[in-house]
Amino acid sequence: MKTMKDKTILNNTQKKIKEMQIEFIDLKILDLKGRLHSLILPSSMLDEKLLSSGVGFDASSYGFAKPEKSDMVMIPDLETMVIDPFRERKTAIFLANIHLTDKIRTRFSEDPRFVASKAEEALVKSKVGSSALFGPEFEFFIFKEAEYGVFEEGNFYFLKKDSDSKNNFYHAGSPEDEFIDFKNEAVALLQQLGIDIKYHHHEVAVNQHEIETKFNTLLKTADQAVIIKYVLFNLAKKNDLFVTFMPKPFLGKAGNGWHVHQYILNKETNVFLKKGNYANLSDTGLHYLSGLLFHSGSLSALSNPSTNSYKRLVRGFEAPVSAIFATSNRNAAIRIPAYVDDNETRIEYRPGDASSNPYLFLSAMLLSGIDGIFKNLSPEKFNFGPFDGGLSDGKVFKNKNKQLPENLSEALDCLEKDNEYLKYNNVFDDALLQQWLKIKRAEIEEISRIPHAKEFELYFNF
């Protein structure tokens, strides 16, 4: 054990496990792409040895390391303990950190949780503030039937809409929204697990819903994103339903975003607040949002890291594709909420989606904002806005303003050219960035080789 505090936390956790008669501990790790892995141990294994030496695993199977250097260990973060509401045998979940196998068990630089921790340290080092607070909106679809498959003979997907889908609408109530009880149960479980929920509601598209959380720090927000997905997926399976956070499952309908509200505190002071300015935003807040917009191309490689992401980010479809900010413009990448208390003056970054790895996405946003503050980037210099009047002349608007990438390949090209801001405090290192580019370019290549149904419609009878 490193400190007396660590030993005290272990003793308290062991006592809690004994009192609650917990039989198993489930160590969970989010891999680089964002898929959740589990390693389940008898609860008796939670001791000083586990916390000092860890338990070994093959990191290459998680997409982290080369096979010849793949032995690593995971060590649970005891402060992340929650009771799994879906296991028959009482099980405690712990999010785990990845360490190398050297004697001192060095943290692995590509571990997404470590990236998030370093990003929080980078903020303190920058002296911009003491903590960054994030409040995400989780958009997702719920289906009673969902099928898909890719085979040599063909590929397909089918999603069954609600029986009364024509009556669904934004903030629909009962009986139009037939999944209210499902969402109530999900929110009740999440609150039992210590996640503070702001609200849930029906979204714009058929079968589309949203759960919004209250503000929390970067690492805890990303941890909560992992647990929220875990709960929704498992609750859906329990109820013979299907949940997806896929950015664009329906042709011609609104897609799923992961809109992230954010602001920075310096102790108890909101550094984004300056009463009397536009939207009460301080110069620091304007520099921060300018950093996000300035780096929005490369940021897209982490905030929108799937090929499907760019089927949502379509020009002219009320999608946040323009690197501008405003209080009401739906094409703006950044919205300034007008309904908030002064102390929560903030910005909302709207392009991202939940196909992202939350640790990497949130960290990249914070670093881009810090870079904007360091460089005194201003909206006026780069024509970032504010644009509150709408887009009466879309062609002129597009020519004058920076647009987000139109596909994943373009976003990855941007990341290759613009990534120095991510390396502040060694939050992202070259190895992580190169591995990310490699994985994502492989996804593009794999998808590009698969015949598409639309191609048959266009070319089969030629």
Protein backbone atom coordinates (compact mmCIF):
# COMPACT_ATOMS: atom_id res chain seq x y z
CA MET A 1 0.00 0.00 0.00
CA LYS A 2 1.33 3.45 -0.90
CA THR A 3 -0.22 5.52 1.89
CA MET A 4 -2.23 5.21 5.08
CA LYS A 5 -5.16 6.67 3.16
CA ASP A 6 -5.00 3.79 0.67
CA LYS A 7 -4.93 1.28 3.50
CA THR A 8 -7.91 2.94 5.15
CA ILE A 9 -9.89 2.87 1.89
CA LEU A 10 -9.07 -0.82 1.45
CA ASN A 11 -10.10 -1.66 5.02
CA ASN A 12 -13.38 0.22 4.61
CA THR A 13 -14.08 -1.47 1.28
CA GLN A 14 -13.34 -4.92 2.67
CA LYS A 15 -15.64 -4.21 5.61
CA LYS A 16 -18.41 -3.07 3.26
CA ILE A 17 -18.01 -6.18 1.10
CA LYS A 18 -18.27 -8.42 4.14
CA GLU A 19 -21.29 -6.60 5.56
CA MET A 20 -23.12 -6.66 2.22
CA GLN A 21 -22.21 -10.33 1.66
CA ILE A 22 -20.70 -9.60 -1.74
CA GLU A 23 -19.40 -12.77 -3.41
CA PHE A 24 -17.67 -11.43 -6.51
CA ILE A 25 -15.80 -8.35 -7.67
CA ASP A 26 -16.04 -7.35 -11.32
CA LEU A 27 -13.07 -5.34 -12.61
CA LYS A 28 -14.11 -3.36 -15.69
CA ILE A 29 -11.94 -1.58 -18.25
CA LEU A 30 -12.97 0.47 -21.26
CA ASP A 31 -10.71 -0.33 -24.17
CA LEU A 32 -9.34 2.29 -26.53
CA LYS A 33 -12.33 2.09 -28.91
CA GLY A 34 -14.81 2.30 -26.04
CA ARG A 35 -15.88 -1.32 -25.57
CA LEU A 36 -16.28 -2.53 -21.98
CA HIS A 37 -14.34 -5.58 -20.68
CA SER A 38 -14.84 -7.50 -17.42
CA LEU A 39 -12.64 -9.71 -15.27
CA ILE A 40 -14.54 -11.27 -12.35
CA LEU A 41 -12.83 -12.48 -9.17
CA PRO A 42 -14.05 -13.95 -5.89
CA SER A 43 -14.45 -11.11 -3.41
CA SER A 44 -11.79 -12.70 -1.17
CA MET A 45 -9.21 -11.63 -3.80
CA LEU A 46 -9.63 -7.97 -2.85
CA ASP A 47 -6.56 -7.51 -0.67
CA GLU A 48 -3.29 -5.57 -0.47
CA LYS A 49 -1.64 -7.85 -3.03
CA LEU A 50 -4.32 -7.11 -5.64
CA LEU A 51 -3.91 -3.37 -5.09
CA SER A 52 -0.11 -3.47 -5.26
CA SER A 53 0.50 -6.14 -7.91
CA GLY A 54 -2.79 -6.21 -9.83
CA VAL A 55 -4.16 -9.05 -11.91
CA GLY A 56 -2.64 -9.84 -15.29
CA PHE A 57 -4.38 -9.66 -18.66
CA ASP A 58 -3.61 -9.56 -22.39
CA ALA A 59 -3.68 -5.87 -23.32
CA SER A 60 -3.36 -6.58 -27.06
CA SER A 61 -6.87 -8.06 -26.96
CA TYR A 62 -8.07 -4.67 -25.69
CA GLY A 63 -6.52 -2.86 -28.65
CA PHE A 64 -3.79 -1.26 -26.53
CA ALA A 65 -0.46 -2.93 -27.16
CA LYS A 66 1.45 -5.07 -29.61
CA PRO A 67 1.14 -8.85 -28.98
CA GLU A 68 4.84 -9.15 -28.16
CA LYS A 69 4.47 -6.61 -25.33
CA SER A 70 0.93 -7.32 -24.25
CA ASP A 71 1.24 -8.48 -20.64
CA MET A 72 -0.18 -5.83 -18.33
CA VAL A 73 -2.07 -5.72 -15.05
CA MET A 74 -5.30 -4.09 -13.92
CA ILE A 75 -5.77 -2.63 -10.45
CA PRO A 76 -9.24 -1.64 -9.21
CA ASP A 77 -10.02 1.92 -8.23
CA LEU A 78 -11.77 1.29 -4.92
CA GLU A 79 -13.55 4.65 -5.02
CA THR A 80 -15.58 3.53 -8.07
CA MET A 81 -17.36 0.66 -6.32
CA VAL A 82 -21.04 0.11 -7.15
CA ILE A 83 -23.26 -2.93 -6.68
CA ASP A 84 -24.21 -4.60 -9.95
CA PRO A 85 -28.04 -4.56 -10.13
CA PHE A 86 -28.17 -7.33 -12.77
CA ARG A 87 -26.19 -10.24 -11.26
CA GLU A 88 -27.87 -13.10 -9.41
CA ARG A 89 -24.87 -13.53 -7.13
CA LYS A 90 -24.07 -10.28 -5.34
CA THR A 91 -21.31 -8.56 -7.29
CA ALA A 92 -19.42 -5.31 -6.78
CA ILE A 93 -18.22 -3.44 -9.86
CA PHE A 94 -14.89 -1.58 -9.78
CA LEU A 95 -13.52 0.43 -12.68
CA ALA A 96 -9.88 -0.53 -13.03
CA ASN A 97 -6.66 1.18 -14.05
CA ILE A 98 -4.07 -0.35 -16.37
CA HIS A 99 -0.46 -0.69 -15.22
CA LEU A 100 2.75 -2.02 -16.72
CA THR A 101 4.39 -5.14 -15.29
CA ASP A 102 7.50 -3.38 -13.98
CA LYS A 103 8.29 -3.54 -10.27
CA ILE A 104 6.64 -0.22 -9.44
CA ARG A 105 3.58 -0.93 -11.61
CA THR A 106 3.83 2.23 -13.73
CA ARG A 107 0.55 3.54 -15.12
CA PHE A 108 0.05 2.67 -18.80
CA SER A 109 0.01 5.87 -20.87
CA GLU A 110 -2.74 4.68 -23.25
CA ASP A 111 -5.17 3.76 -20.47
CA PRO A 112 -8.21 6.03 -21.09
CA ARG A 113 -8.75 6.59 -17.33
CA PHE A 114 -5.12 7.68 -17.01
CA VAL A 115 -5.59 10.07 -19.92
CA ALA A 116 -8.53 11.64 -18.08
CA SER A 117 -6.54 11.93 -14.84
CA LYS A 118 -3.67 13.62 -16.66
CA ALA A 119 -6.11 16.02 -18.31
CA GLU A 120 -7.43 17.06 -14.90
CA GLU A 121 -3.84 17.56 -13.72
CA ALA A 122 -3.16 19.60 -16.88
CA LEU A 123 -5.93 22.02 -15.95
CA VAL A 124 -4.41 22.61 -12.51
CA LYS A 125 -0.95 22.97 -14.06
CA SER A 126 -2.29 25.55 -16.53
CA LYS A 127 -3.57 27.69 -13.62
CA VAL A 128 -6.73 28.33 -15.63
CA GLY A 129 -8.79 26.70 -12.88
CA SER A 130 -8.94 23.97 -10.27
CA SER A 131 -11.58 21.74 -11.87
CA ALA A 132 -13.64 21.36 -15.03
CA LEU A 133 -17.28 20.36 -14.72
CA PHE A 134 -19.19 18.47 -17.40
CA GLY A 135 -22.88 17.71 -17.84
CA PRO A 136 -23.64 15.40 -20.81
CA GLU A 137 -26.90 14.69 -22.59
CA PHE A 138 -27.17 10.99 -23.51
CA GLU A 139 -29.31 10.46 -26.61
CA PHE A 140 -30.25 6.91 -27.57
CA PHE A 141 -32.85 4.83 -29.39
CA ILE A 142 -34.99 2.06 -27.88
CA PHE A 143 -36.35 -0.69 -30.15
CA LYS A 144 -38.58 -3.69 -29.60
CA GLU A 145 -36.97 -5.43 -32.55
CA ALA A 146 -33.51 -4.93 -34.03
CA GLU A 147 -31.65 -7.22 -36.40
CA TYR A 148 -28.45 -6.84 -38.36
CA GLY A 149 -25.77 -9.00 -39.91
CA VAL A 150 -22.85 -9.03 -42.34
CA PHE A 151 -22.23 -12.19 -44.40
CA GLU A 152 -20.47 -13.17 -47.60
CA GLU A 153 -23.88 -13.56 -49.25
CA GLY A 154 -25.13 -10.16 -48.12
CA ASN A 155 -25.70 -7.76 -45.27
CA PHE A 156 -28.76 -6.21 -43.68
CA TYR A 157 -30.29 -4.32 -40.77
CA PHE A 158 -33.87 -3.87 -39.64
CA LEU A 159 -35.20 -1.64 -36.87
CA LYS A 160 -38.83 -1.82 -35.80
CA LYS A 161 -40.42 1.54 -35.03
CA ASP A 162 -42.96 2.04 -32.24
CA SER A 163 -46.46 0.92 -33.19
CA ASP A 164 -47.67 4.50 -32.69
CA SER A 165 -44.57 6.09 -34.16
CA LYS A 166 -46.53 8.72 -36.10
CA ASN A 167 -47.62 10.17 -32.75
CA ASN A 168 -44.13 10.44 -31.26
CA PHE A 169 -42.76 13.93 -30.77
CA TYR A 170 -40.28 15.94 -28.70
CA HIS A 171 -41.07 15.60 -24.98
CA ALA A 172 -43.90 13.19 -25.77
CA GLY A 173 -45.75 11.85 -22.74
CA SER A 174 -47.87 8.80 -22.07
CA PRO A 175 -49.30 7.01 -24.02
CA GLU A 176 -47.26 8.28 -27.00
CA ASP A 177 -44.00 7.50 -25.21
CA GLU A 178 -44.40 3.85 -24.28
CA PHE A 179 -40.92 3.59 -22.75
CA ILE A 180 -41.45 5.96 -19.81
CA ASP A 181 -41.50 3.08 -17.31
CA PHE A 182 -38.29 1.68 -18.81
CA LYS A 183 -36.56 5.06 -18.46
CA ASN A 184 -37.93 5.53 -14.94
CA GLU A 185 -36.46 2.16 -13.97
CA ALA A 186 -33.12 3.06 -15.60
CA VAL A 187 -32.95 6.40 -13.78
CA ALA A 188 -33.88 4.77 -10.46
CA LEU A 189 -31.05 2.24 -10.89
CA LEU A 190 -28.56 4.95 -11.87
CA GLN A 191 -29.43 7.02 -8.83
CA GLN A 192 -29.00 3.94 -6.63
CA LEU A 193 -25.51 3.68 -8.12
CA GLY A 194 -24.71 7.26 -7.11
CA ILE A 195 -25.27 8.97 -10.47
CA ASP A 196 -27.23 12.22 -10.20
CA ILE A 197 -29.79 12.53 -12.99
CA LYS A 198 -31.29 15.84 -14.13
CA TYR A 199 -34.17 14.39 -16.18
CA HIS A 200 -35.19 12.06 -18.98
CA HIS A 201 -37.55 12.61 -21.92
CA HIS A 202 -38.60 11.56 -25.41
CA GLU A 203 -36.43 13.13 -28.10
CA VAL A 204 -37.26 14.44 -31.59
CA ALA A 205 -37.04 11.23 -33.62
CA VAL A 206 -39.21 8.14 -33.44
CA ASN A 207 -37.97 5.78 -30.70
CA GLN A 208 -35.39 8.37 -29.58
CA HIS A 209 -34.85 9.29 -25.92
CA GLU A 210 -32.52 11.27 -23.69
CA ILE A 211 -31.13 11.10 -20.16
CA GLU A 212 -29.20 14.10 -18.87
CA THR A 213 -26.89 13.98 -15.87
CA LYS A 214 -25.92 16.71 -13.43
CA PHE A 215 -22.44 18.27 -13.52
CA ASN A 216 -19.40 16.37 -12.35
CA THR A 217 -15.63 16.39 -12.79
CA LEU A 218 -14.00 15.02 -15.94
CA LEU A 219 -12.94 11.59 -14.67
CA LYS A 220 -16.18 11.02 -12.78
CA THR A 221 -18.27 12.13 -15.77
CA ALA A 222 -16.47 9.63 -18.01
CA ASP A 223 -16.82 6.90 -15.35
CA GLN A 224 -20.54 7.64 -15.16
CA ALA A 225 -20.83 7.36 -18.94
CA VAL A 226 -19.46 3.82 -18.71
CA ILE A 227 -21.96 2.85 -16.01
CA ILE A 228 -24.91 4.54 -17.76
CA LYS A 229 -24.32 2.56 -20.93
CA TYR A 230 -23.85 -0.63 -18.90
CA VAL A 231 -27.16 -0.12 -17.08
CA LEU A 232 -29.15 0.77 -20.21
CA PHE A 233 -27.82 -2.15 -22.24
CA ASN A 234 -28.45 -4.65 -19.46
CA LEU A 235 -31.89 -3.29 -18.57
CA ALA A 236 -32.86 -3.44 -22.24
CA LYS A 237 -31.77 -7.08 -22.45
CA LYS A 238 -33.75 -7.87 -19.28
CA ASN A 239 -36.87 -6.37 -20.90
CA ASP A 240 -36.35 -7.92 -24.35
CA LEU A 241 -35.59 -4.52 -25.82
CA PHE A 242 -32.65 -3.06 -27.73
CA VAL A 243 -30.85 0.18 -26.91
CA THR A 244 -28.34 1.88 -29.20
CA PHE A 245 -26.27 5.06 -28.93
CA MET A 246 -25.34 4.70 -32.62
CA PRO A 247 -25.17 8.23 -34.08
CA LYS A 248 -27.39 7.59 -37.12
CA PRO A 249 -29.44 4.36 -37.14
CA PHE A 250 -32.41 5.86 -39.09
CA LEU A 251 -32.21 7.33 -42.60
CA GLY A 252 -33.60 10.85 -42.74
CA LYS A 253 -34.29 11.12 -38.99
CA ALA A 254 -32.46 12.96 -36.22
CA GLY A 255 -29.39 11.17 -34.93
CA ASN A 256 -27.91 10.58 -31.47
CA GLY A 257 -25.53 13.19 -30.14
CA TRP A 258 -23.57 13.37 -26.92
CA HIS A 259 -23.96 17.09 -26.19
CA VAL A 260 -21.62 18.12 -23.40
CA HIS A 261 -22.22 21.20 -21.22
CA GLN A 262 -19.04 22.42 -19.53
CA TYR A 263 -17.42 25.17 -17.52
CA ILE A 264 -14.34 25.66 -15.35
CA LEU A 265 -14.14 26.48 -11.66
CA ASN A 266 -11.24 28.15 -9.89
CA LYS A 267 -12.05 26.86 -6.41
CA GLU A 268 -15.68 28.06 -6.15
CA THR A 269 -15.56 30.73 -8.88
CA ASN A 270 -16.90 30.07 -12.38
CA VAL A 271 -14.16 31.46 -14.64
CA PHE A 272 -16.54 31.51 -17.62
CA LEU A 273 -18.78 34.10 -15.95
CA LYS A 274 -18.60 37.83 -16.70
CA LYS A 275 -21.94 39.55 -16.13
CA GLY A 276 -22.89 42.04 -18.81
CA ASN A 277 -20.89 40.40 -21.60
CA TYR A 278 -22.54 38.48 -24.43
CA ALA A 279 -24.35 35.54 -22.75
CA ASN A 280 -22.45 36.53 -19.57
CA LEU A 281 -19.34 34.84 -21.00
CA SER A 282 -15.94 36.04 -19.76
CA ASP A 283 -12.92 36.49 -22.01
CA THR A 284 -11.61 33.21 -20.60
CA GLY A 285 -14.83 31.49 -21.64
CA LEU A 286 -14.60 32.99 -25.13
CA HIS A 287 -10.95 31.92 -25.48
CA TYR A 288 -11.91 28.42 -24.30
CA LEU A 289 -14.74 27.99 -26.81
CA SER A 290 -12.51 29.44 -29.54
CA GLY A 291 -10.00 26.69 -28.75
CA LEU A 292 -12.68 24.05 -29.27
CA LEU A 293 -13.76 25.59 -32.56
CA PHE A 294 -10.18 26.18 -33.76
CA HIS A 295 -9.31 22.50 -33.13
CA SER A 296 -12.75 21.15 -34.12
CA GLY A 297 -11.33 19.30 -37.12
CA SER A 298 -8.87 17.19 -35.14
CA LEU A 299 -11.22 17.06 -32.16
CA SER A 300 -13.77 15.36 -34.44
CA ALA A 301 -11.47 12.34 -34.71
CA LEU A 302 -12.08 11.77 -30.99
CA SER A 303 -15.57 13.24 -30.53
CA ASN A 304 -17.02 11.55 -33.64
CA PRO A 305 -14.83 8.50 -34.17
CA SER A 306 -17.13 6.24 -36.22
CA THR A 307 -17.94 6.23 -39.91
CA ASN A 308 -21.60 6.39 -38.85
CA SER A 309 -20.92 9.65 -36.97
CA TYR A 310 -20.76 11.57 -40.24
CA LYS A 311 -24.14 10.29 -41.41
CA ARG A 312 -25.48 12.40 -38.52
CA LEU A 313 -23.28 15.43 -39.23
CA VAL A 314 -24.93 16.26 -42.55
CA ARG A 315 -25.00 19.75 -44.02
CA GLY A 316 -28.44 21.37 -44.03
CA PHE A 317 -30.03 18.91 -41.58
CA GLU A 318 -29.98 21.05 -38.43
CA ALA A 319 -26.74 19.32 -37.53
CA PRO A 320 -23.91 21.06 -35.62
CA VAL A 321 -21.48 21.13 -38.54
CA SER A 322 -20.28 24.74 -38.46
CA ALA A 323 -17.37 25.86 -36.27
CA ILE A 324 -19.34 28.73 -34.78
CA PHE A 325 -21.10 29.56 -31.51
CA ALA A 326 -24.48 31.07 -30.74
CA THR A 327 -27.30 30.99 -28.24
CA SER A 328 -29.89 29.47 -30.58
CA ASN A 329 -28.42 28.42 -33.93
CA ARG A 330 -28.81 24.65 -34.46
CA ASN A 331 -26.00 24.56 -37.03
CA ALA A 332 -23.56 25.89 -34.43
CA ALA A 333 -21.03 23.51 -32.94
CA ILE A 334 -21.28 25.41 -29.64
CA ARG A 335 -24.50 26.62 -28.07
CA ILE A 336 -24.64 28.99 -25.11
CA PRO A 337 -27.63 27.97 -22.94
CA ALA A 338 -29.72 31.03 -22.16
CA TYR A 339 -31.78 29.53 -19.33
CA VAL A 340 -29.06 28.91 -16.73
CA ASP A 341 -28.21 30.58 -13.44
CA ASP A 342 -25.22 32.91 -13.58
CA ASN A 343 -23.11 30.56 -11.45
CA GLU A 344 -23.55 27.83 -14.07
CA THR A 345 -22.75 30.00 -17.10
CA ARG A 346 -21.37 27.50 -19.55
CA ILE A 347 -20.99 26.33 -23.12
CA GLU A 348 -22.45 23.25 -24.80
CA TYR A 349 -20.33 21.39 -27.36
CA ARG A 350 -22.88 19.70 -29.66
CA PRO A 351 -21.09 17.75 -32.44
CA GLY A 352 -19.89 14.78 -30.35
CA ASP A 353 -21.61 11.43 -30.07
CA ALA A 354 -21.47 8.42 -27.76
CA SER A 355 -19.54 6.24 -30.19
CA SER A 356 -16.61 8.12 -28.66
CA ASN A 357 -14.46 6.94 -25.80
CA PRO A 358 -15.70 9.35 -23.09
CA TYR A 359 -12.32 9.61 -21.37
CA LEU A 360 -10.57 10.61 -24.60
CA PHE A 361 -13.35 12.90 -25.84
CA LEU A 362 -13.72 14.89 -22.61
CA SER A 363 -9.94 15.15 -22.20
CA ALA A 364 -9.48 16.38 -25.77
CA MET A 365 -12.16 19.04 -25.30
CA LEU A 366 -10.56 20.32 -22.12
CA LEU A 367 -7.12 20.45 -23.74
CA SER A 368 -8.42 22.29 -26.81
CA GLY A 369 -10.08 24.84 -24.52
CA ILE A 370 -6.93 25.29 -22.46
CA ASP A 371 -4.97 25.80 -25.69
CA GLY A 372 -7.46 28.48 -26.73
CA ILE A 373 -6.87 30.27 -23.42
CA PHE A 374 -3.08 29.94 -23.68
CA LYS A 375 -3.13 31.43 -27.19
CA ASN A 376 -5.81 34.07 -26.49
CA LEU A 377 -7.83 32.78 -29.44
CA SER A 378 -10.76 35.09 -30.08
CA PRO A 379 -14.04 34.51 -31.93
CA GLU A 380 -13.62 37.75 -33.87
CA LYS A 381 -10.28 36.76 -35.39
CA PHE A 382 -11.57 33.46 -36.77
CA ASN A 383 -15.18 34.50 -37.47
CA PHE A 384 -16.53 32.03 -34.90
CA GLY A 385 -19.48 34.24 -34.05
CA PRO A 386 -21.75 34.68 -32.26
CA PHE A 387 -24.25 33.84 -35.04
CA ASP A 388 -27.73 34.10 -33.59
CA GLY A 389 -29.61 35.16 -36.69
CA GLY A 390 -29.88 31.84 -38.52
CA LEU A 391 -28.59 30.92 -41.96
CA SER A 392 -30.52 32.91 -44.52
CA ASP A 393 -27.73 32.42 -47.03
CA GLY A 394 -26.20 29.03 -46.43
CA LYS A 395 -23.78 29.25 -49.36
CA VAL A 396 -22.23 32.52 -48.17
CA PHE A 397 -22.17 31.21 -44.61
CA LYS A 398 -20.34 28.04 -45.61
CA ASN A 399 -17.76 29.96 -47.61
CA LYS A 400 -17.02 32.30 -44.73
CA ASN A 401 -16.91 29.84 -41.85
CA LYS A 402 -14.98 26.74 -40.93
CA GLN A 403 -16.90 23.49 -41.26
CA LEU A 404 -16.38 20.24 -39.37
CA PRO A 405 -15.00 17.24 -41.31
CA GLU A 406 -17.47 15.48 -43.61
CA ASN A 407 -16.18 11.96 -42.91
CA LEU A 408 -13.96 10.03 -40.53
CA SER A 409 -11.02 9.91 -42.92
CA GLU A 410 -10.99 13.70 -43.15
CA ALA A 411 -11.17 13.95 -39.34
CA LEU A 412 -8.21 11.59 -38.95
CA ASP A 413 -6.23 13.66 -41.47
CA CYS A 414 -6.94 16.71 -39.30
CA LEU A 415 -5.76 14.86 -36.20
CA GLU A 416 -2.49 13.90 -37.89
CA LYS A 417 -1.81 17.55 -38.69
CA ASP A 418 -3.13 19.15 -35.50
CA ASN A 419 -2.36 17.28 -32.27
CA GLU A 420 0.24 19.25 -30.31
CA TYR A 421 -2.42 20.73 -28.02
CA LEU A 422 -3.32 17.16 -26.96
CA LYS A 423 0.22 16.54 -25.71
CA TYR A 424 0.15 19.21 -23.00
CA ASN A 425 1.18 17.56 -19.72
CA ASN A 426 1.73 14.40 -21.81
CA VAL A 427 -2.02 13.70 -21.65
CA PHE A 428 -1.98 12.13 -25.11
CA ASP A 429 1.35 10.69 -26.21
CA ASP A 430 2.48 9.76 -29.72
CA ALA A 431 1.96 6.04 -29.10
CA LEU A 432 -1.70 6.56 -28.18
CA LEU A 433 -2.36 8.87 -31.12
CA GLN A 434 -0.70 6.52 -33.58
CA GLN A 435 -2.63 3.54 -32.22
CA TRP A 436 -5.88 5.50 -32.47
CA LEU A 437 -5.18 6.48 -36.08
CA LYS A 438 -4.26 2.89 -36.92
CA ILE A 439 -7.44 1.42 -35.39
CA LYS A 440 -9.74 3.99 -36.98
CA ARG A 441 -8.19 3.80 -40.45
CA ALA A 442 -8.55 0.00 -40.27
CA GLU A 443 -12.27 0.46 -39.51
CA ILE A 444 -12.67 2.71 -42.55
CA GLU A 445 -10.90 0.19 -44.78
CA GLU A 446 -12.97 -2.73 -43.46
CA ILE A 447 -16.27 -0.93 -44.03
CA SER A 448 -15.24 0.30 -47.48
CA ARG A 449 -14.83 -3.31 -48.68
CA ILE A 450 -18.40 -4.36 -47.80
CA PRO A 451 -21.01 -4.07 -50.60
CA HIS A 452 -23.89 -1.74 -49.66
CA ALA A 453 -27.59 -2.27 -50.40
CA LYS A 454 -27.73 1.14 -52.10
CA GLU A 455 -24.99 -0.01 -54.48
CA PHE A 456 -27.25 -2.88 -55.57
CA GLU A 457 -30.06 -0.43 -56.20
CA LEU A 458 -27.76 1.76 -58.26
CA TYR A 459 -25.63 -0.77 -60.10
CA PHE A 460 -27.06 -4.34 -60.00
CA ASN A 461 -28.85 -4.10 -63.34
CA PHE A 462 -26.12 -2.23 -65.22
